[in-house]
Structure formats: structure tokens, C-alpha cells
Amino acid sequence: MNNVCPRVWSVRYNHSHDQLVLTASSDSRLILSNMVSISSEPFGHLVDDEELSEGEDNHQEDKSKEPLKDSVVSTYEEHEDSVYAAEWSSADPWLFASLSYDGRLVINRVPRALKYRILL
């Protein structure tokens, strides 16, 4: 049995939200990852001094305020051949496209739950 590792053909980060990374590979998959550890805004948003002082007064933990962690958000398996290109839209920061060897173009959006978690 021959186990062949897939080759990554394209890696693109989102210019508006740089923690979002797309990888396109030879195994017909497109992977959307949330790489907070390399983001210019590692906690999803900038924190004001006022927010810090309010947080000290309120000891109850709010799960929505917890920092996001590096993770694979979604794996898209809509292609039947190697995915050679992935690109983020220049008009909509939540929209991206992928192109496979057989010429199939697929357009997707960042899942709504992650979008709101990043914005809020």
C-alpha cells in the first residue's frame, strides 16, 4: 500500500482578517484555518483599557470573550481533482474561491458563526 501525502499548491491569508488562512492541495480539498497565533490581532479584536478594568470587576467568565485558538474551521471537498488555486475576494473579506485542475471553480463564504466571533 502506497501512502502518498498530499501536496499543498496554494496558501493564502485574508488581507482584512489575517488569521484566516486557505490551503489548496492535491487531495481535492480546500482547508479554511483560523490561525490566531500568527494574527496581527491575536484575540480577534483590540482590547481597550476600559474593557480590561470592567473585566476585573466582573469575575464571571464570558465564553464569547475567550480568545480564539488555532484550528481548522472547515474542510471543503467540493472538487474532484487537485485544487491548484485559492483566493480571497478583494470586494468581500468573507468570500473566497478555489479552482481545481479540471477547471471547476467553487465559491464559498467563511461560516457565519466564525465571522461574528471575529467581529464581536
N, C-alpha and C. Protein backbone atom coordinates (compact mmCIF):
# COMPACT_ATOMS: atom_id res chain seq x y z
N MET A 1 0.84 -1.18 0.00
CA MET A 1 0.00 0.00 0.00
C MET A 1 0.89 1.25 0.00
N ASN A 2 0.60 2.15 -0.90
CA ASN A 2 1.42 3.34 -1.06
C ASN A 2 0.68 4.54 -0.46
N ASN A 3 1.19 5.07 0.65
CA ASN A 3 0.60 6.25 1.27
C ASN A 3 1.32 7.49 0.75
N VAL A 4 0.60 8.29 -0.01
CA VAL A 4 1.17 9.49 -0.59
C VAL A 4 0.59 10.70 0.13
N CYS A 5 1.46 11.54 0.64
CA CYS A 5 1.00 12.76 1.30
C CYS A 5 0.55 13.76 0.25
N PRO A 6 -0.54 14.46 0.50
CA PRO A 6 -0.99 15.46 -0.46
C PRO A 6 -0.02 16.63 -0.52
N ARG A 7 0.06 17.23 -1.68
CA ARG A 7 0.90 18.41 -1.86
C ARG A 7 0.04 19.66 -1.73
N VAL A 8 0.56 20.63 -1.06
CA VAL A 8 -0.14 21.91 -0.92
C VAL A 8 0.29 22.78 -2.10
N TRP A 9 -0.69 23.22 -2.88
CA TRP A 9 -0.39 24.02 -4.07
C TRP A 9 -0.54 25.52 -3.83
N SER A 10 -1.35 25.89 -2.87
CA SER A 10 -1.61 27.30 -2.65
C SER A 10 -1.93 27.56 -1.18
N VAL A 11 -1.38 28.65 -0.64
CA VAL A 11 -1.70 29.11 0.72
C VAL A 11 -1.97 30.61 0.61
N ARG A 12 -3.12 31.02 1.11
CA ARG A 12 -3.50 32.44 1.05
C ARG A 12 -4.07 32.88 2.39
N TYR A 13 -3.68 34.06 2.84
CA TYR A 13 -4.27 34.61 4.06
C TYR A 13 -5.22 35.74 3.66
N ASN A 14 -6.17 36.00 4.51
CA ASN A 14 -7.17 37.04 4.28
C ASN A 14 -6.54 38.38 4.64
N HIS A 15 -6.56 39.34 3.71
CA HIS A 15 -5.91 40.63 3.95
C HIS A 15 -6.66 41.50 4.96
N SER A 16 -7.93 41.25 5.16
CA SER A 16 -8.71 42.01 6.14
C SER A 16 -8.68 41.38 7.52
N HIS A 17 -8.63 40.06 7.56
CA HIS A 17 -8.61 39.30 8.82
C HIS A 17 -7.52 38.24 8.67
N ASP A 18 -6.29 38.64 8.97
CA ASP A 18 -5.13 37.81 8.62
C ASP A 18 -5.01 36.49 9.37
N GLN A 19 -5.89 36.22 10.33
CA GLN A 19 -5.86 34.92 10.98
C GLN A 19 -6.54 33.85 10.12
N LEU A 20 -7.30 34.25 9.10
CA LEU A 20 -7.98 33.30 8.22
C LEU A 20 -7.04 32.89 7.09
N VAL A 21 -6.78 31.59 7.00
CA VAL A 21 -5.83 31.07 6.01
C VAL A 21 -6.48 29.95 5.20
N LEU A 22 -6.31 30.02 3.88
CA LEU A 22 -6.80 28.98 2.98
C LEU A 22 -5.63 28.16 2.47
N THR A 23 -5.79 26.84 2.41
CA THR A 23 -4.79 25.98 1.77
C THR A 23 -5.49 25.10 0.75
N ALA A 24 -4.92 25.04 -0.43
CA ALA A 24 -5.44 24.22 -1.52
C ALA A 24 -4.42 23.11 -1.79
N SER A 25 -4.90 21.88 -1.98
CA SER A 25 -3.96 20.77 -2.09
C SER A 25 -4.35 19.74 -3.15
N SER A 26 -3.43 18.82 -3.36
CA SER A 26 -3.60 17.79 -4.39
C SER A 26 -4.62 16.73 -4.03
N ASP A 27 -5.11 16.71 -2.80
CA ASP A 27 -6.10 15.71 -2.39
C ASP A 27 -7.54 16.19 -2.61
N SER A 28 -7.71 17.19 -3.46
CA SER A 28 -9.02 17.74 -3.84
C SER A 28 -9.70 18.51 -2.73
N ARG A 29 -8.94 18.93 -1.73
CA ARG A 29 -9.54 19.64 -0.61
C ARG A 29 -9.04 21.08 -0.51
N LEU A 30 -9.92 21.91 0.01
CA LEU A 30 -9.59 23.28 0.37
C LEU A 30 -9.85 23.37 1.87
N ILE A 31 -8.87 23.86 2.62
CA ILE A 31 -9.00 23.92 4.07
C ILE A 31 -8.95 25.38 4.51
N LEU A 32 -9.95 25.76 5.31
CA LEU A 32 -10.01 27.09 5.91
C LEU A 32 -9.57 26.93 7.37
N SER A 33 -8.51 27.65 7.74
CA SER A 33 -7.99 27.58 9.11
C SER A 33 -8.06 28.95 9.76
N ASN A 34 -8.19 28.93 11.08
CA ASN A 34 -8.18 30.13 11.88
C ASN A 34 -6.87 30.10 12.68
N MET A 35 -5.87 30.83 12.21
CA MET A 35 -4.53 30.79 12.80
C MET A 35 -4.30 32.05 13.65
N VAL A 36 -4.91 32.07 14.81
CA VAL A 36 -4.87 33.23 15.69
C VAL A 36 -3.45 33.53 16.17
N SER A 37 -2.63 32.51 16.33
CA SER A 37 -1.27 32.69 16.86
C SER A 37 -0.37 33.53 15.94
N ILE A 38 -0.71 33.64 14.68
CA ILE A 38 0.10 34.44 13.75
C ILE A 38 -0.62 35.71 13.31
N SER A 39 -1.74 36.00 13.93
CA SER A 39 -2.56 37.14 13.55
C SER A 39 -2.00 38.45 14.10
N SER A 40 -2.28 39.54 13.40
CA SER A 40 -1.91 40.85 13.93
C SER A 40 -2.86 41.27 15.04
N GLU A 41 -4.03 40.62 15.14
CA GLU A 41 -4.98 40.82 16.24
C GLU A 41 -5.23 39.47 16.88
N PRO A 42 -4.33 38.99 17.74
CA PRO A 42 -4.40 37.61 18.23
C PRO A 42 -5.63 37.27 19.06
N PHE A 43 -6.36 38.23 19.55
CA PHE A 43 -7.54 37.92 20.34
C PHE A 43 -8.83 38.19 19.60
N GLY A 44 -8.74 38.39 18.28
CA GLY A 44 -9.94 38.60 17.49
C GLY A 44 -10.35 40.06 17.40
N HIS A 45 -9.97 40.87 18.40
CA HIS A 45 -10.26 42.30 18.38
C HIS A 45 -9.29 42.99 19.34
N LEU A 46 -9.16 44.29 19.16
CA LEU A 46 -8.30 45.06 20.04
C LEU A 46 -9.02 45.32 21.35
N VAL A 47 -8.31 45.30 22.45
CA VAL A 47 -8.90 45.48 23.77
C VAL A 47 -8.57 46.88 24.27
N ASP A 48 -9.60 47.60 24.71
CA ASP A 48 -9.41 48.93 25.30
C ASP A 48 -9.07 48.79 26.78
N ASP A 49 -8.44 49.83 27.34
CA ASP A 49 -8.15 49.84 28.76
C ASP A 49 -9.44 49.77 29.58
N GLU A 50 -10.52 50.40 29.08
CA GLU A 50 -11.80 50.38 29.78
C GLU A 50 -12.33 48.95 29.88
N GLU A 51 -12.18 48.18 28.80
CA GLU A 51 -12.65 46.79 28.79
C GLU A 51 -11.91 45.98 29.84
N LEU A 52 -10.61 46.23 30.00
CA LEU A 52 -9.82 45.50 30.99
C LEU A 52 -10.29 45.81 32.40
N SER A 53 -10.53 47.08 32.69
CA SER A 53 -10.96 47.43 34.04
C SER A 53 -12.35 46.90 34.34
N GLU A 54 -13.25 46.90 33.35
CA GLU A 54 -14.58 46.33 33.54
C GLU A 54 -14.48 44.83 33.79
N GLY A 55 -13.55 44.16 33.12
CA GLY A 55 -13.38 42.72 33.27
C GLY A 55 -12.89 42.34 34.65
N GLU A 56 -12.10 43.23 35.27
CA GLU A 56 -11.61 42.96 36.61
C GLU A 56 -12.73 43.00 37.63
N ASP A 57 -13.71 43.88 37.41
CA ASP A 57 -14.84 43.99 38.32
C ASP A 57 -15.79 42.80 38.18
N ASN A 58 -15.90 42.29 37.00
CA ASN A 58 -16.83 41.19 36.74
C ASN A 58 -16.03 39.89 36.64
N HIS A 59 -16.11 39.05 37.66
CA HIS A 59 -15.33 37.81 37.69
C HIS A 59 -15.99 36.67 36.94
N GLN A 60 -17.23 36.89 36.49
CA GLN A 60 -17.93 35.85 35.75
C GLN A 60 -17.32 35.76 34.36
N GLU A 61 -16.92 34.54 33.97
CA GLU A 61 -16.30 34.36 32.67
C GLU A 61 -17.34 34.35 31.59
N ASP A 62 -17.06 35.09 30.53
CA ASP A 62 -17.94 35.12 29.37
C ASP A 62 -17.24 34.33 28.26
N LYS A 63 -17.83 33.21 27.86
CA LYS A 63 -17.20 32.34 26.88
C LYS A 63 -16.95 33.05 25.56
N SER A 64 -17.83 33.99 25.18
CA SER A 64 -17.65 34.68 23.91
C SER A 64 -16.45 35.62 23.94
N LYS A 65 -15.94 35.97 25.12
CA LYS A 65 -14.78 36.85 25.24
C LYS A 65 -13.47 36.07 25.30
N GLU A 66 -13.54 34.74 25.39
CA GLU A 66 -12.33 33.94 25.41
C GLU A 66 -11.61 34.06 24.08
N PRO A 67 -10.28 34.08 24.10
CA PRO A 67 -9.55 34.17 22.84
C PRO A 67 -9.79 32.93 21.97
N LEU A 68 -9.81 33.15 20.67
CA LEU A 68 -9.93 32.04 19.74
C LEU A 68 -8.62 31.28 19.71
N LYS A 69 -8.66 30.02 19.33
CA LYS A 69 -7.47 29.18 19.24
C LYS A 69 -7.23 28.76 17.80
N ASP A 70 -5.97 28.44 17.47
CA ASP A 70 -5.65 27.93 16.14
C ASP A 70 -6.46 26.68 15.87
N SER A 71 -7.09 26.62 14.72
CA SER A 71 -7.90 25.44 14.40
C SER A 71 -8.26 25.41 12.92
N VAL A 72 -8.62 24.22 12.48
CA VAL A 72 -9.20 24.07 11.14
C VAL A 72 -10.68 24.39 11.30
N VAL A 73 -11.15 25.37 10.56
CA VAL A 73 -12.54 25.80 10.64
C VAL A 73 -13.42 24.89 9.81
N SER A 74 -12.97 24.64 8.59
CA SER A 74 -13.78 23.84 7.68
C SER A 74 -12.92 23.23 6.60
N THR A 75 -13.32 22.05 6.16
CA THR A 75 -12.67 21.38 5.04
C THR A 75 -13.70 21.26 3.93
N TYR A 76 -13.37 21.82 2.78
CA TYR A 76 -14.28 21.80 1.64
C TYR A 76 -13.83 20.73 0.66
N GLU A 77 -14.71 19.80 0.37
CA GLU A 77 -14.38 18.69 -0.54
C GLU A 77 -15.32 18.71 -1.74
N GLU A 78 -15.43 19.88 -2.37
CA GLU A 78 -16.34 20.06 -3.49
C GLU A 78 -15.67 19.86 -4.84
N HIS A 79 -14.37 19.61 -4.83
CA HIS A 79 -13.64 19.39 -6.08
C HIS A 79 -13.41 17.91 -6.30
N GLU A 80 -13.25 17.52 -7.56
CA GLU A 80 -12.99 16.13 -7.90
C GLU A 80 -11.54 15.91 -8.33
N ASP A 81 -10.77 17.00 -8.39
CA ASP A 81 -9.38 16.92 -8.83
C ASP A 81 -8.55 17.85 -7.94
N SER A 82 -7.23 17.84 -8.12
CA SER A 82 -6.34 18.69 -7.33
C SER A 82 -6.79 20.15 -7.35
N VAL A 83 -6.75 20.79 -6.19
CA VAL A 83 -7.10 22.20 -6.10
C VAL A 83 -5.79 22.98 -6.20
N TYR A 84 -5.66 23.73 -7.29
CA TYR A 84 -4.40 24.43 -7.56
C TYR A 84 -4.39 25.88 -7.12
N ALA A 85 -5.56 26.47 -6.93
CA ALA A 85 -5.58 27.88 -6.58
C ALA A 85 -6.69 28.16 -5.58
N ALA A 86 -6.39 29.08 -4.68
CA ALA A 86 -7.37 29.59 -3.71
C ALA A 86 -7.11 31.08 -3.58
N GLU A 87 -8.17 31.85 -3.60
CA GLU A 87 -8.03 33.32 -3.50
C GLU A 87 -9.16 33.90 -2.68
N TRP A 88 -8.84 34.94 -1.93
CA TRP A 88 -9.84 35.71 -1.20
C TRP A 88 -10.38 36.79 -2.10
N SER A 89 -11.63 37.13 -1.95
CA SER A 89 -12.25 38.21 -2.72
C SER A 89 -11.65 39.54 -2.29
N SER A 90 -11.45 40.42 -3.24
CA SER A 90 -10.97 41.77 -2.90
C SER A 90 -12.13 42.69 -2.54
N ALA A 91 -13.36 42.28 -2.84
CA ALA A 91 -14.54 43.09 -2.55
C ALA A 91 -15.25 42.69 -1.26
N ASP A 92 -15.19 41.40 -0.90
CA ASP A 92 -15.89 40.89 0.28
C ASP A 92 -14.91 40.04 1.09
N PRO A 93 -14.50 40.49 2.28
CA PRO A 93 -13.47 39.76 3.04
C PRO A 93 -13.91 38.39 3.55
N TRP A 94 -15.19 38.05 3.40
CA TRP A 94 -15.70 36.76 3.88
C TRP A 94 -15.93 35.78 2.74
N LEU A 95 -15.56 36.14 1.53
CA LEU A 95 -15.81 35.34 0.34
C LEU A 95 -14.49 34.85 -0.24
N PHE A 96 -14.44 33.58 -0.67
CA PHE A 96 -13.22 33.05 -1.28
C PHE A 96 -13.58 32.07 -2.39
N ALA A 97 -12.62 31.84 -3.27
CA ALA A 97 -12.84 30.95 -4.41
C ALA A 97 -11.69 29.96 -4.51
N SER A 98 -12.00 28.80 -5.10
CA SER A 98 -10.96 27.80 -5.34
C SER A 98 -11.14 27.26 -6.76
N LEU A 99 -10.03 26.85 -7.36
CA LEU A 99 -10.02 26.36 -8.74
C LEU A 99 -9.24 25.06 -8.79
N SER A 100 -9.85 24.03 -9.37
CA SER A 100 -9.18 22.73 -9.46
C SER A 100 -8.63 22.49 -10.87
N TYR A 101 -7.82 21.46 -10.98
CA TYR A 101 -7.16 21.12 -12.24
C TYR A 101 -8.15 20.91 -13.38
N ASP A 102 -9.32 20.36 -13.08
CA ASP A 102 -10.32 20.11 -14.13
C ASP A 102 -11.11 21.36 -14.52
N GLY A 103 -10.76 22.52 -13.96
CA GLY A 103 -11.38 23.78 -14.33
C GLY A 103 -12.59 24.16 -13.50
N ARG A 104 -12.92 23.39 -12.50
CA ARG A 104 -14.07 23.69 -11.66
C ARG A 104 -13.75 24.83 -10.69
N LEU A 105 -14.58 25.85 -10.72
CA LEU A 105 -14.45 27.00 -9.83
C LEU A 105 -15.54 26.89 -8.77
N VAL A 106 -15.14 26.97 -7.50
CA VAL A 106 -16.09 26.89 -6.39
C VAL A 106 -15.93 28.15 -5.54
N ILE A 107 -17.06 28.77 -5.21
CA ILE A 107 -17.06 29.97 -4.38
C ILE A 107 -17.73 29.64 -3.05
N ASN A 108 -17.10 30.04 -1.95
CA ASN A 108 -17.61 29.77 -0.61
C ASN A 108 -17.49 31.01 0.26
N ARG A 109 -18.12 30.95 1.43
CA ARG A 109 -18.04 32.02 2.42
C ARG A 109 -17.51 31.47 3.74
N VAL A 110 -16.90 32.35 4.52
CA VAL A 110 -16.50 32.00 5.88
C VAL A 110 -17.79 31.70 6.65
N PRO A 111 -17.82 30.63 7.43
CA PRO A 111 -19.03 30.33 8.21
C PRO A 111 -19.45 31.52 9.08
N ARG A 112 -20.74 31.76 9.12
CA ARG A 112 -21.30 32.91 9.83
C ARG A 112 -20.90 32.94 11.30
N ALA A 113 -20.88 31.80 11.96
CA ALA A 113 -20.53 31.77 13.39
C ALA A 113 -19.10 32.29 13.62
N LEU A 114 -18.16 31.90 12.77
CA LEU A 114 -16.78 32.38 12.91
C LEU A 114 -16.70 33.85 12.58
N LYS A 115 -17.39 34.27 11.56
CA LYS A 115 -17.40 35.68 11.16
C LYS A 115 -17.81 36.56 12.35
N TYR A 116 -18.92 36.22 13.01
CA TYR A 116 -19.38 37.03 14.13
C TYR A 116 -18.45 36.91 15.33
N ARG A 117 -17.84 35.78 15.52
CA ARG A 117 -16.89 35.61 16.63
C ARG A 117 -15.67 36.51 16.42
N ILE A 118 -15.23 36.65 15.18
CA ILE A 118 -14.09 37.51 14.87
C ILE A 118 -14.47 38.99 15.04
N LEU A 119 -15.67 39.33 14.57
CA LEU A 119 -16.09 40.74 14.62
C LEU A 119 -16.48 41.20 16.02
N LEU A 120 -17.05 40.30 16.80
CA LEU A 120 -17.54 40.70 18.14
C LEU A 120 -16.58 40.20 19.15
